[in-house]
Protein backbone atom coordinates (compact mmCIF):
# COMPACT_ATOMS: atom_id res chain seq x y z
CA UNK A 1 -3.09 -82.72 130.60
CA UNK A 2 -3.70 -79.17 131.81
CA UNK A 3 -2.13 -76.02 130.43
CA UNK A 4 -2.28 -72.51 131.79
CA UNK A 5 -3.71 -70.08 129.28
CA UNK A 6 -2.18 -66.66 130.00
CA UNK A 7 -4.72 -64.69 127.96
CA UNK A 8 -7.71 -65.77 130.04
CA UNK A 9 -5.82 -66.46 133.28
CA UNK A 10 -7.42 -69.85 133.79
CA UNK A 11 -6.70 -73.51 133.26
CA UNK A 12 -8.23 -75.42 130.40
CA UNK A 13 -8.15 -79.08 129.46
CA UNK A 14 -6.44 -79.79 126.13
CA UNK A 15 -7.07 -83.52 126.29
CA UNK A 16 -4.65 -86.38 125.97
CA UNK A 17 -1.73 -86.67 123.59
CA UNK A 18 -3.72 -89.13 121.46
CA UNK A 19 -6.57 -86.57 121.23
CA UNK A 20 -4.11 -83.95 120.04
CA UNK A 21 -2.58 -86.31 117.49
CA UNK A 22 -6.03 -87.23 116.19
CA UNK A 23 -6.84 -83.53 115.92
CA UNK A 24 -3.69 -82.86 113.91
CA UNK A 25 -4.53 -85.82 111.63
CA UNK A 26 -7.98 -84.36 111.01
CA UNK A 27 -6.54 -80.92 110.22
CA UNK A 28 -4.15 -82.51 107.70
CA UNK A 29 -7.09 -84.14 105.94
CA UNK A 30 -9.01 -80.85 105.96
CA UNK A 31 -6.02 -79.11 104.35
CA UNK A 32 -5.81 -81.80 101.66
CA UNK A 33 -9.53 -81.55 100.93
CA UNK A 34 -9.37 -77.76 100.78
CA UNK A 35 -6.37 -77.81 98.44
CA UNK A 36 -8.05 -80.35 96.15
CA UNK A 37 -11.20 -78.24 95.98
CA UNK A 38 -9.47 -74.86 95.82
CA UNK A 39 -11.24 -73.53 98.92
CA UNK A 40 -10.19 -72.67 102.46
CA UNK A 41 -10.04 -75.10 105.36
CA UNK A 42 -12.76 -73.02 107.01
CA UNK A 43 -15.04 -73.63 104.03
CA UNK A 44 -14.50 -77.39 104.22
CA UNK A 45 -15.28 -77.41 107.94
CA UNK A 46 -18.35 -75.20 107.58
CA UNK A 47 -19.58 -77.15 104.56
CA UNK A 48 -19.29 -80.40 106.50
CA UNK A 49 -21.25 -78.90 109.40
CA UNK A 50 -23.99 -77.68 107.04
CA UNK A 51 -24.43 -81.20 105.64
CA UNK A 52 -24.92 -82.95 109.00
CA UNK A 53 -28.40 -84.24 109.77
CA UNK A 54 -29.96 -82.44 112.68
CA UNK A 55 -27.92 -79.28 112.07
CA UNK A 56 -30.30 -76.47 111.21
CA UNK A 57 -27.87 -73.58 111.29
CA UNK A 58 -24.19 -72.79 111.71
CA UNK A 59 -23.02 -69.69 113.52
CA UNK A 60 -19.98 -68.17 111.87
CA UNK A 61 -17.63 -65.63 113.33
CA UNK A 62 -15.77 -63.32 111.01
CA UNK A 63 -13.35 -60.60 112.05
CA UNK A 64 -13.45 -58.85 108.68
CA UNK A 65 -15.26 -58.77 105.35
CA UNK A 66 -12.82 -61.18 103.69
CA UNK A 67 -13.45 -63.85 106.34
CA UNK A 68 -17.20 -63.31 106.06
CA UNK A 69 -17.11 -63.75 102.28
CA UNK A 70 -14.96 -66.86 102.62
CA UNK A 71 -17.26 -68.38 105.25
CA UNK A 72 -20.35 -67.67 103.15
CA UNK A 73 -18.65 -69.38 100.21
CA UNK A 74 -19.04 -72.69 102.05
CA UNK A 75 -22.70 -72.73 101.01
CA UNK A 76 -21.83 -72.51 97.29
CA UNK A 77 -20.62 -76.09 96.89
CA UNK A 78 -21.36 -79.52 98.34
CA UNK A 79 -18.92 -81.78 100.10
CA UNK A 80 -19.54 -85.40 99.10
CA UNK A 81 -18.06 -88.75 100.01
CA UNK A 82 -16.03 -88.72 96.80
CA UNK A 83 -15.05 -85.06 96.74
CA UNK A 84 -17.27 -82.10 96.14
CA UNK A 85 -19.50 -80.63 93.51
CA UNK A 86 -20.43 -77.09 92.73
CA UNK A 87 -23.89 -75.96 93.86
CA UNK A 88 -24.29 -74.35 90.45
CA UNK A 89 -23.67 -77.64 88.60
CA UNK A 90 -26.44 -79.35 90.55
């Protein structure tokens, strides 16, 4: 499925309907994990990226100081299979 993106004046591929549905399902899980941990969805996503083998760095993009502080907070706790634990608690 192709959509015209007016901002960039070009076509881009948004995938199939099933891809979109899977993406929405993933975002719902991210929201649930973030709410359970008391952090932002961005922190959950960044924390997950930081814990992947072979990933040596994550480039973050922040538009303001609040977003930067939130993104950096992803390194202060650890996402685990059964939830998360604070980096301070070991």
